[in-house]
C-alpha atoms as a PDB file:
ATOM      1  CA  MET A   1    -106.780  48.582 161.957  1.00  0.00           C
ATOM      2  CA  SER A   2    -108.854  49.678 164.816  1.00  0.00           C
ATOM      3  CA  GLY A   3    -112.922  49.136 165.317  1.00  0.00           C
ATOM      4  CA  PRO A   4    -115.106  51.895 163.922  1.00  0.00           C
ATOM      5  CA  ASP A   5    -115.334  55.670 165.768  1.00  0.00           C
ATOM      6  CA  LYS A   6    -118.386  55.589 167.834  1.00  0.00           C
ATOM      7  CA  ARG A   7    -117.824  59.883 167.500  1.00  0.00           C
ATOM      8  CA  GLY A   8    -119.796  61.954 165.179  1.00  0.00           C
ATOM      9  CA  ALA A   9    -118.895  63.787 162.211  1.00  0.00           C
ATOM     10  CA  SER A  10    -118.393  66.463 164.844  1.00  0.00           C
ATOM     11  CA  GLY A  11    -116.578  64.543 167.035  1.00  0.00           C
ATOM     12  CA  LEU A  12    -118.539  64.519 170.122  1.00  0.00           C
ATOM     13  CA  LEU A  13    -120.024  61.466 171.446  1.00  0.00           C
ATOM     14  CA  PRO A  14    -123.731  60.546 171.289  1.00  0.00           C
ATOM     15  CA  VAL A  15    -126.012  62.759 172.922  1.00  0.00           C
ATOM     16  CA  TRP A  16    -127.700  59.719 175.011  1.00  0.00           C
ATOM     17  CA  ILE A  17    -123.929  58.844 176.542  1.00  0.00           C
ATOM     18  CA  VAL A  18    -123.767  62.593 177.773  1.00  0.00           C
ATOM     19  CA  TRP A  19    -127.197  62.570 179.071  1.00  0.00           C
ATOM     20  CA  ALA A  20    -126.358  59.269 181.106  1.00  0.00           C
ATOM     21  CA  VAL A  21    -122.893  60.195 182.467  1.00  0.00           C
ATOM     22  CA  LEU A  22    -124.706  63.696 183.414  1.00  0.00           C
ATOM     23  CA  ALA A  23    -127.150  61.786 185.220  1.00  0.00           C
ATOM     24  CA  GLY A  24    -125.114  59.305 186.915  1.00  0.00           C
ATOM     25  CA  ALA A  25    -123.143  62.354 188.142  1.00  0.00           C
ATOM     26  CA  SER A  26    -126.194  63.710 189.700  1.00  0.00           C
ATOM     27  CA  ILE A  27    -127.014  60.774 191.362  1.00  0.00           C
ATOM     28  CA  ALA A  28    -123.709  60.468 192.581  1.00  0.00           C
ATOM     29  CA  GLY A  29    -123.809  63.668 193.841  1.00  0.00           C
ATOM     30  CA  PHE A  30    -126.775  63.389 195.962  1.00  0.00           C
ATOM     31  CA  ALA A  31    -125.606  59.990 197.803  1.00  0.00           C
ATOM     32  CA  LEU A  32    -122.086  61.746 198.377  1.00  0.00           C
ATOM     33  CA  ALA A  33    -123.886  64.270 199.997  1.00  0.00           C
ATOM     34  CA  GLU A  34    -126.415  62.495 201.838  1.00  0.00           C
ATOM     35  CA  GLY A  35    -123.592  59.969 202.910  1.00  0.00           C
ATOM     36  CA  ALA A  36    -120.828  62.095 203.804  1.00  0.00           C
ATOM     37  CA  ALA A  37    -120.184  62.959 207.228  1.00  0.00           C
ATOM     38  CA  THR A  38    -119.205  66.309 207.486  1.00  0.00           C
ATOM     39  CA  ALA A  39    -121.236  69.748 205.728  1.00  0.00           C
ATOM     40  CA  PRO A  40    -117.648  71.168 204.131  1.00  0.00           C
ATOM     41  CA  VAL A  41    -116.483  67.573 202.528  1.00  0.00           C
ATOM     42  CA  ALA A  42    -120.021  67.306 201.240  1.00  0.00           C
ATOM     43  CA  ALA A  43    -120.742  71.339 199.776  1.00  0.00           C
ATOM     44  CA  SER A  44    -116.921  71.000 198.097  1.00  0.00           C
ATOM     45  CA  ALA A  45    -118.217  67.378 196.671  1.00  0.00           C
ATOM     46  CA  ALA A  46    -120.694  69.248 195.055  1.00  0.00           C
ATOM     47  CA  VAL A  47    -119.262  72.229 193.626  1.00  0.00           C
ATOM     48  CA  LEU A  48    -116.345  69.848 192.275  1.00  0.00           C
ATOM     49  CA  LEU A  49    -119.382  67.718 190.675  1.00  0.00           C
ATOM     50  CA  ALA A  50    -121.261  70.733 189.503  1.00  0.00           C
ATOM     51  CA  ALA A  51    -118.113  71.610 187.664  1.00  0.00           C
ATOM     52  CA  VAL A  52    -117.382  68.907 186.059  1.00  0.00           C
ATOM     53  CA  LYS A  53    -121.223  68.625 184.723  1.00  0.00           C
ATOM     54  CA  ILE A  54    -120.515  72.195 183.357  1.00  0.00           C
ATOM     55  CA  HIS A  55    -117.274  70.999 181.692  1.00  0.00           C
ATOM     56  CA  LEU A  56    -118.977  68.274 180.314  1.00  0.00           C
ATOM     57  CA  ILE A  57    -122.873  70.361 178.952  1.00  0.00           C
ATOM     58  CA  PHE A  58    -119.429  72.868 177.282  1.00  0.00           C
ATOM     59  CA  GLY A  59    -118.160  70.328 175.310  1.00  0.00           C
ATOM     60  CA  GLN A  60    -120.914  68.149 174.406  1.00  0.00           C
ATOM     61  CA  TYR A  61    -124.079  70.176 174.238  1.00  0.00           C
ATOM     62  CA  MET A  62    -122.531  73.880 173.467  1.00  0.00           C
ATOM     63  CA  GLU A  63    -120.634  72.685 171.076  1.00  0.00           C
ATOM     64  CA  VAL A  64    -117.819  74.549 171.943  1.00  0.00           C
ATOM     65  CA  ARG A  65    -115.190  71.308 172.551  1.00  0.00           C
ATOM     66  CA  TRP A  66    -113.854  70.690 169.035  1.00  0.00           C
ATOM     67  CA  HIS A  67    -114.361  74.466 167.645  1.00  0.00           C
ATOM     68  CA  HIS A  68    -113.853  78.220 168.968  1.00  0.00           C
ATOM     69  CA  GLN A  69    -110.501  78.124 170.819  1.00  0.00           C
ATOM     70  CA  PRO A  70    -110.566  81.165 172.317  1.00  0.00           C
ATOM     71  CA  LEU A  71    -114.196  80.896 173.531  1.00  0.00           C
ATOM     72  CA  ARG A  72    -113.118  77.114 174.811  1.00  0.00           C
ATOM     73  CA  THR A  73    -110.520  78.563 176.652  1.00  0.00           C
ATOM     74  CA  LEU A  74    -112.394  81.825 178.031  1.00  0.00           C
ATOM     75  CA  LEU A  75    -115.277  79.385 179.488  1.00  0.00           C
ATOM     76  CA  SER A  76    -113.079  77.017 181.150  1.00  0.00           C
ATOM     77  CA  LEU A  77    -110.885  79.707 182.402  1.00  0.00           C
ATOM     78  CA  TRP A  78    -114.592  81.378 183.602  1.00  0.00           C
ATOM     79  CA  LEU A  79    -115.615  78.275 185.464  1.00  0.00           C
ATOM     80  CA  ALA A  80    -111.929  77.632 187.199  1.00  0.00           C
ATOM     81  CA  VAL A  81    -112.156  81.004 188.688  1.00  0.00           C
ATOM     82  CA  VAL A  82    -116.001  80.658 189.995  1.00  0.00           C
ATOM     83  CA  THR A  83    -115.556  77.019 191.341  1.00  0.00           C
ATOM     84  CA  LEU A  84    -112.555  78.461 193.054  1.00  0.00           C
ATOM     85  CA  ILE A  85    -114.280  81.623 194.387  1.00  0.00           C
ATOM     86  CA  LEU A  86    -116.477  79.235 195.626  1.00  0.00           C
ATOM     87  CA  MET A  87    -114.439  76.814 197.821  1.00  0.00           C
ATOM     88  CA  ALA A  88    -112.105  79.790 198.648  1.00  0.00           C
ATOM     89  CA  GLY A  89    -115.889  81.534 199.945  1.00  0.00           C
ATOM     90  CA  TYR A  90    -116.915  78.183 201.451  1.00  0.00           C
ATOM     91  CA  TRP A  91    -113.947  77.092 203.269  1.00  0.00           C
ATOM     92  CA  SER A  92    -113.125  81.183 204.567  1.00  0.00           C
ATOM     93  CA  ALA A  93    -116.264  80.920 206.498  1.00  0.00           C
END
């Protein structure tokens, strides 16, 4: 038998863990942008990191991770399309 499950009744992680991951991702993004050798690499990293953070917020704070499959699919597709448009627009310029 394994240890106790750390997730709540809704299947979500505790808020403080998600907040810590989001804060760490923000700090990592800043460090990555400051340390990047070229602007395209820094911009791409920032856009991809933002997409990951938005996905986390959708799943944890908006609570669509465990419910509403059509809404979850729609939001994931929207996020993917917007991320691809931003990346394509930046790299084509």
